[in-house]
C-alpha cells in the first residue's frame, strides 16, 4: 500500500508541476464586449423639432433660428461604457460636446460644453432677446445600425445686452433624431 500511495503522490506532484509551468493565459478578452456596443464613428441623419416651451417672446419665432427640420452629425468615441460625442447641427453650425454612458441598447449623455452660448433673436413685436445656452442632453437607443432618440436643449432668455440686462424666461427645445453610421 505504501507503494501505491507514493505513486499517487508522485502523479499528483507531476500534474501540479505541469500546470505551474504552463504559459500565462491573458485575462483581458481579445474580442469586443457583448455588453457594451461599439458606437464609435460618425453618425448622421435628420433632426426634427418636435416641441418647444417657454421662451417669452422667442418661443413664437423659434423656427427663425431653429429650423423644424435639420440635419445632425454625431461623432462618437468610447472607452468601455464611457461615451463622448460631438453633435453638430447643420443649419446653425452649433457644436456641443457630450459625455455619458452607453449600454447594449441605450445611450445617455449631457453636454459638457458648446462652442457658442449666446444668440440674439428678434421677436414678432420687434423686441430683441438674447438666448444663452444652459445645457443639453441626448437620450437614445441603438440597434446596431441606427441611433435614434431625442436632444433637449435649454436656453435662458435675457433682455438685450446692455447695462441692466434682465432674465425674462427660459426656452426648452426638443428634437427627435435618427442617425446612421457613415
C-alpha atoms as a PDB file:
ATOM      1  CA  UNK A   1       0.000   0.000   0.000  1.00  0.00           C
ATOM      2  CA  UNK A   2       2.860   2.331   0.660  1.00  0.00           C
ATOM      3  CA  UNK A   3       3.987   1.903  -2.929  1.00  0.00           C
ATOM      4  CA  UNK A   4       0.556   2.886  -4.365  1.00  0.00           C
ATOM      5  CA  UNK A   5       0.365   5.945  -2.079  1.00  0.00           C
ATOM      6  CA  UNK A   6       3.814   7.004  -3.223  1.00  0.00           C
ATOM      7  CA  UNK A   7       2.765   6.632  -6.896  1.00  0.00           C
ATOM      8  CA  UNK A   8      -0.360   8.709  -6.282  1.00  0.00           C
ATOM      9  CA  UNK A   9       1.678  11.465  -4.600  1.00  0.00           C
ATOM     10  CA  UNK A  10       4.191  11.389  -7.474  1.00  0.00           C
ATOM     11  CA  UNK A  11       1.432  11.626 -10.122  1.00  0.00           C
ATOM     12  CA  UNK A  12      -0.239  14.493  -8.232  1.00  0.00           C
ATOM     13  CA  UNK A  13       3.082  16.351  -7.879  1.00  0.00           C
ATOM     14  CA  UNK A  14       3.737  15.909 -11.618  1.00  0.00           C
ATOM     15  CA  UNK A  15       0.298  17.276 -12.515  1.00  0.00           C
ATOM     16  CA  UNK A  16       0.771  20.321 -10.272  1.00  0.00           C
ATOM     17  CA  UNK A  17       4.231  20.951 -11.717  1.00  0.00           C
ATOM     18  CA  UNK A  18       2.900  20.694 -15.259  1.00  0.00           C
ATOM     19  CA  UNK A  19       0.138  23.204 -14.531  1.00  0.00           C
ATOM     20  CA  UNK A  20       2.609  25.553 -12.890  1.00  0.00           C
ATOM     21  CA  UNK A  21       4.842  25.562 -15.980  1.00  0.00           C
ATOM     22  CA  UNK A  22       2.103  26.347 -18.499  1.00  0.00           C
ATOM     23  CA  UNK A  23       2.122  29.671 -20.322  1.00  0.00           C
ATOM     24  CA  UNK A  24       0.189  32.571 -18.823  1.00  0.00           C
ATOM     25  CA  UNK A  25      -3.268  32.959 -20.257  1.00  0.00           C
ATOM     26  CA  UNK A  26      -4.423  36.532 -20.955  1.00  0.00           C
ATOM     27  CA  UNK A  27      -7.087  37.784 -18.564  1.00  0.00           C
ATOM     28  CA  UNK A  28      -8.320  40.538 -20.869  1.00  0.00           C
ATOM     29  CA  UNK A  29     -10.765  39.363 -23.529  1.00  0.00           C
ATOM     30  CA  UNK A  30      -9.461  39.849 -27.036  1.00  0.00           C
ATOM     31  CA  UNK A  31     -12.933  40.147 -28.621  1.00  0.00           C
ATOM     32  CA  UNK A  32     -15.264  43.136 -28.253  1.00  0.00           C
ATOM     33  CA  UNK A  33     -17.612  43.030 -25.295  1.00  0.00           C
ATOM     34  CA  UNK A  34     -21.060  41.621 -25.895  1.00  0.00           C
ATOM     35  CA  UNK A  35     -22.449  44.018 -23.287  1.00  0.00           C
ATOM     36  CA  UNK A  36     -21.058  47.355 -24.494  1.00  0.00           C
ATOM     37  CA  UNK A  37     -21.867  48.401 -28.066  1.00  0.00           C
ATOM     38  CA  UNK A  38     -19.293  49.757 -30.447  1.00  0.00           C
ATOM     39  CA  UNK A  39     -20.791  53.138 -31.232  1.00  0.00           C
ATOM     40  CA  UNK A  40     -17.516  54.767 -32.267  1.00  0.00           C
ATOM     41  CA  UNK A  41     -17.632  56.634 -35.523  1.00  0.00           C
ATOM     42  CA  UNK A  42     -19.516  59.366 -37.308  1.00  0.00           C
ATOM     43  CA  UNK A  43     -23.303  59.119 -37.413  1.00  0.00           C
ATOM     44  CA  UNK A  44     -25.544  61.464 -39.368  1.00  0.00           C
ATOM     45  CA  UNK A  45     -29.236  61.915 -40.021  1.00  0.00           C
ATOM     46  CA  UNK A  46     -32.316  64.097 -39.786  1.00  0.00           C
ATOM     47  CA  UNK A  47     -33.296  66.074 -36.700  1.00  0.00           C
ATOM     48  CA  UNK A  48     -36.885  67.249 -36.314  1.00  0.00           C
ATOM     49  CA  UNK A  49     -38.003  69.941 -33.886  1.00  0.00           C
ATOM     50  CA  UNK A  50     -40.885  68.244 -32.072  1.00  0.00           C
ATOM     51  CA  UNK A  51     -41.602  70.658 -29.234  1.00  0.00           C
ATOM     52  CA  UNK A  52     -40.649  73.874 -27.549  1.00  0.00           C
ATOM     53  CA  UNK A  53     -41.849  75.501 -24.380  1.00  0.00           C
ATOM     54  CA  UNK A  54     -41.429  78.876 -22.752  1.00  0.00           C
ATOM     55  CA  UNK A  55     -39.056  81.397 -24.211  1.00  0.00           C
ATOM     56  CA  UNK A  56     -41.065  84.526 -23.522  1.00  0.00           C
ATOM     57  CA  UNK A  57     -41.467  86.120 -26.993  1.00  0.00           C
ATOM     58  CA  UNK A  58     -38.714  83.957 -28.552  1.00  0.00           C
ATOM     59  CA  UNK A  59     -40.921  80.872 -28.389  1.00  0.00           C
ATOM     60  CA  UNK A  60     -43.177  82.456 -31.027  1.00  0.00           C
ATOM     61  CA  UNK A  61     -40.317  82.749 -33.535  1.00  0.00           C
ATOM     62  CA  UNK A  62     -38.355  79.588 -32.775  1.00  0.00           C
ATOM     63  CA  UNK A  63     -38.459  78.455 -36.430  1.00  0.00           C
ATOM     64  CA  UNK A  64     -36.464  81.556 -37.425  1.00  0.00           C
ATOM     65  CA  UNK A  65     -33.397  80.325 -35.537  1.00  0.00           C
ATOM     66  CA  UNK A  66     -34.077  76.577 -35.062  1.00  0.00           C
ATOM     67  CA  UNK A  67     -35.495  75.052 -38.245  1.00  0.00           C
ATOM     68  CA  UNK A  68     -38.229  72.447 -37.902  1.00  0.00           C
ATOM     69  CA  UNK A  69     -36.170  70.002 -39.970  1.00  0.00           C
ATOM     70  CA  UNK A  70     -32.388  69.954 -39.712  1.00  0.00           C
ATOM     71  CA  UNK A  71     -29.518  67.523 -40.157  1.00  0.00           C
ATOM     72  CA  UNK A  72     -27.207  66.500 -37.353  1.00  0.00           C
ATOM     73  CA  UNK A  73     -23.814  64.846 -37.196  1.00  0.00           C
ATOM     74  CA  UNK A  74     -22.761  62.875 -34.146  1.00  0.00           C
ATOM     75  CA  UNK A  75     -19.063  61.939 -33.813  1.00  0.00           C
ATOM     76  CA  UNK A  76     -18.810  59.309 -31.048  1.00  0.00           C
ATOM     77  CA  UNK A  77     -15.799  57.941 -29.177  1.00  0.00           C
ATOM     78  CA  UNK A  78     -15.794  55.332 -26.411  1.00  0.00           C
ATOM     79  CA  UNK A  79     -13.733  53.941 -23.587  1.00  0.00           C
ATOM     80  CA  UNK A  80     -15.749  50.950 -22.444  1.00  0.00           C
ATOM     81  CA  UNK A  81     -19.196  52.190 -21.417  1.00  0.00           C
ATOM     82  CA  UNK A  82     -17.920  55.789 -21.101  1.00  0.00           C
ATOM     83  CA  UNK A  83     -19.130  57.581 -24.208  1.00  0.00           C
ATOM     84  CA  UNK A  84     -18.217  61.009 -25.562  1.00  0.00           C
ATOM     85  CA  UNK A  85     -19.625  62.736 -28.619  1.00  0.00           C
ATOM     86  CA  UNK A  86     -19.728  65.991 -30.516  1.00  0.00           C
ATOM     87  CA  UNK A  87     -23.085  66.815 -32.092  1.00  0.00           C
ATOM     88  CA  UNK A  88     -23.217  69.474 -34.792  1.00  0.00           C
ATOM     89  CA  UNK A  89     -26.417  70.927 -36.243  1.00  0.00           C
ATOM     90  CA  UNK A  90     -26.089  71.653 -39.949  1.00  0.00           C
ATOM     91  CA  UNK A  91     -28.274  74.792 -40.097  1.00  0.00           C
ATOM     92  CA  UNK A  92     -26.646  76.689 -37.231  1.00  0.00           C
ATOM     93  CA  UNK A  93     -23.243  75.026 -37.057  1.00  0.00           C
ATOM     94  CA  UNK A  94     -23.690  74.814 -33.284  1.00  0.00           C
ATOM     95  CA  UNK A  95     -21.464  72.049 -31.927  1.00  0.00           C
ATOM     96  CA  UNK A  96     -21.816  70.650 -28.416  1.00  0.00           C
ATOM     97  CA  UNK A  97     -19.569  68.138 -26.709  1.00  0.00           C
ATOM     98  CA  UNK A  98     -21.368  65.494 -24.679  1.00  0.00           C
ATOM     99  CA  UNK A  99     -20.255  62.844 -22.230  1.00  0.00           C
ATOM    100  CA  UNK A 100     -22.155  59.960 -20.695  1.00  0.00           C
ATOM    101  CA  UNK A 101     -22.601  56.225 -20.934  1.00  0.00           C
ATOM    102  CA  UNK A 102     -23.864  53.593 -23.312  1.00  0.00           C
ATOM    103  CA  UNK A 103     -25.253  50.120 -22.772  1.00  0.00           C
ATOM    104  CA  UNK A 104     -26.134  47.300 -25.121  1.00  0.00           C
ATOM    105  CA  UNK A 105     -29.202  49.191 -26.380  1.00  0.00           C
ATOM    106  CA  UNK A 106     -29.126  52.753 -24.982  1.00  0.00           C
ATOM    107  CA  UNK A 107     -27.091  55.924 -24.861  1.00  0.00           C
ATOM    108  CA  UNK A 108     -27.389  58.846 -22.421  1.00  0.00           C
ATOM    109  CA  UNK A 109     -25.202  61.954 -22.443  1.00  0.00           C
ATOM    110  CA  UNK A 110     -25.181  65.523 -21.147  1.00  0.00           C
ATOM    111  CA  UNK A 111     -23.464  68.486 -22.747  1.00  0.00           C
ATOM    112  CA  UNK A 112     -20.066  69.258 -21.289  1.00  0.00           C
ATOM    113  CA  UNK A 113     -19.631  72.387 -23.433  1.00  0.00           C
ATOM    114  CA  UNK A 114     -20.845  74.089 -26.596  1.00  0.00           C
ATOM    115  CA  UNK A 115     -18.904  76.275 -28.991  1.00  0.00           C
ATOM    116  CA  UNK A 116     -21.402  79.148 -28.754  1.00  0.00           C
ATOM    117  CA  UNK A 117     -23.601  80.113 -25.864  1.00  0.00           C
ATOM    118  CA  UNK A 118     -25.375  83.315 -26.960  1.00  0.00           C
ATOM    119  CA  UNK A 119     -27.797  84.112 -29.776  1.00  0.00           C
ATOM    120  CA  UNK A 120     -29.680  87.373 -30.467  1.00  0.00           C
ATOM    121  CA  UNK A 121     -33.274  86.838 -31.594  1.00  0.00           C
ATOM    122  CA  UNK A 122     -35.856  89.335 -32.883  1.00  0.00           C
ATOM    123  CA  UNK A 123     -39.365  88.760 -31.573  1.00  0.00           C
ATOM    124  CA  UNK A 124     -42.514  89.370 -33.686  1.00  0.00           C
ATOM    125  CA  UNK A 125     -43.113  92.716 -31.966  1.00  0.00           C
ATOM    126  CA  UNK A 126     -39.562  93.905 -32.723  1.00  0.00           C
ATOM    127  CA  UNK A 127     -38.063  93.348 -29.273  1.00  0.00           C
ATOM    128  CA  UNK A 128     -34.635  91.743 -29.156  1.00  0.00           C
ATOM    129  CA  UNK A 129     -33.780  88.915 -26.793  1.00  0.00           C
ATOM    130  CA  UNK A 130     -30.539  87.107 -26.068  1.00  0.00           C
ATOM    131  CA  UNK A 131     -30.678  83.331 -25.705  1.00  0.00           C
ATOM    132  CA  UNK A 132     -27.902  81.798 -23.624  1.00  0.00           C
ATOM    133  CA  UNK A 133     -27.414  78.077 -23.834  1.00  0.00           C
ATOM    134  CA  UNK A 134     -27.708  76.472 -20.389  1.00  0.00           C
ATOM    135  CA  UNK A 135     -27.434  72.800 -21.215  1.00  0.00           C
ATOM    136  CA  UNK A 136     -28.368  69.965 -23.499  1.00  0.00           C
ATOM    137  CA  UNK A 137     -28.932  66.236 -23.148  1.00  0.00           C
ATOM    138  CA  UNK A 138     -29.087  63.284 -25.529  1.00  0.00           C
ATOM    139  CA  UNK A 139     -31.054  60.130 -24.803  1.00  0.00           C
ATOM    140  CA  UNK A 140     -31.445  57.390 -27.321  1.00  0.00           C
ATOM    141  CA  UNK A 141     -31.435  53.780 -28.298  1.00  0.00           C
ATOM    142  CA  UNK A 142     -29.137  51.805 -30.534  1.00  0.00           C
ATOM    143  CA  UNK A 143     -29.953  48.742 -32.620  1.00  0.00           C
ATOM    144  CA  UNK A 144     -26.599  48.060 -34.264  1.00  0.00           C
ATOM    145  CA  UNK A 145     -27.064  50.149 -37.385  1.00  0.00           C
ATOM    146  CA  UNK A 146     -29.023  53.184 -36.206  1.00  0.00           C
ATOM    147  CA  UNK A 147     -29.101  55.544 -33.237  1.00  0.00           C
ATOM    148  CA  UNK A 148     -32.481  57.178 -32.551  1.00  0.00           C
ATOM    149  CA  UNK A 149     -33.550  59.458 -29.740  1.00  0.00           C
ATOM    150  CA  UNK A 150     -34.059  62.994 -28.508  1.00  0.00           C
ATOM    151  CA  UNK A 151     -31.928  66.057 -27.899  1.00  0.00           C
ATOM    152  CA  UNK A 152     -33.338  68.508 -25.346  1.00  0.00           C
ATOM    153  CA  UNK A 153     -31.703  71.917 -25.149  1.00  0.00           C
ATOM    154  CA  UNK A 154     -32.384  74.643 -22.581  1.00  0.00           C
ATOM    155  CA  UNK A 155     -31.704  78.356 -23.071  1.00  0.00           C
ATOM    156  CA  UNK A 156     -32.111  81.249 -20.636  1.00  0.00           C
ATOM    157  CA  UNK A 157     -33.773  84.294 -22.227  1.00  0.00           C
ATOM    158  CA  UNK A 158     -32.471  87.801 -21.422  1.00  0.00           C
ATOM    159  CA  UNK A 159     -33.287  91.362 -22.446  1.00  0.00           C
ATOM    160  CA  UNK A 160     -30.815  92.789 -24.984  1.00  0.00           C
ATOM    161  CA  UNK A 161     -27.192  93.121 -23.917  1.00  0.00           C
ATOM    162  CA  UNK A 162     -26.646  96.365 -22.111  1.00  0.00           C
ATOM    163  CA  UNK A 163     -26.052  97.891 -18.724  1.00  0.00           C
ATOM    164  CA  UNK A 164     -29.077  96.361 -16.977  1.00  0.00           C
ATOM    165  CA  UNK A 165     -29.645  93.007 -18.712  1.00  0.00           C
ATOM    166  CA  UNK A 166     -32.514  91.075 -17.102  1.00  0.00           C
ATOM    167  CA  UNK A 167     -33.534  87.422 -17.366  1.00  0.00           C
ATOM    168  CA  UNK A 168     -37.104  87.085 -18.634  1.00  0.00           C
ATOM    169  CA  UNK A 169     -37.603  83.332 -19.048  1.00  0.00           C
ATOM    170  CA  UNK A 170     -36.258  80.092 -20.409  1.00  0.00           C
ATOM    171  CA  UNK A 171     -36.788  78.148 -23.612  1.00  0.00           C
ATOM    172  CA  UNK A 172     -36.618  74.351 -23.947  1.00  0.00           C
ATOM    173  CA  UNK A 173     -36.401  72.883 -27.450  1.00  0.00           C
ATOM    174  CA  UNK A 174     -36.632  69.151 -28.155  1.00  0.00           C
ATOM    175  CA  UNK A 175     -35.522  67.460 -31.371  1.00  0.00           C
ATOM    176  CA  UNK A 176     -36.009  63.852 -32.429  1.00  0.00           C
ATOM    177  CA  UNK A 177     -33.112  62.387 -34.383  1.00  0.00           C
ATOM    178  CA  UNK A 178     -32.306  59.264 -36.338  1.00  0.00           C
ATOM    179  CA  UNK A 179     -28.699  58.713 -37.359  1.00  0.00           C
ATOM    180  CA  UNK A 180     -26.858  56.034 -39.296  1.00  0.00           C
ATOM    181  CA  UNK A 181     -23.127  55.314 -39.243  1.00  0.00           C
ATOM    182  CA  UNK A 182     -21.189  56.847 -42.127  1.00  0.00           C
END
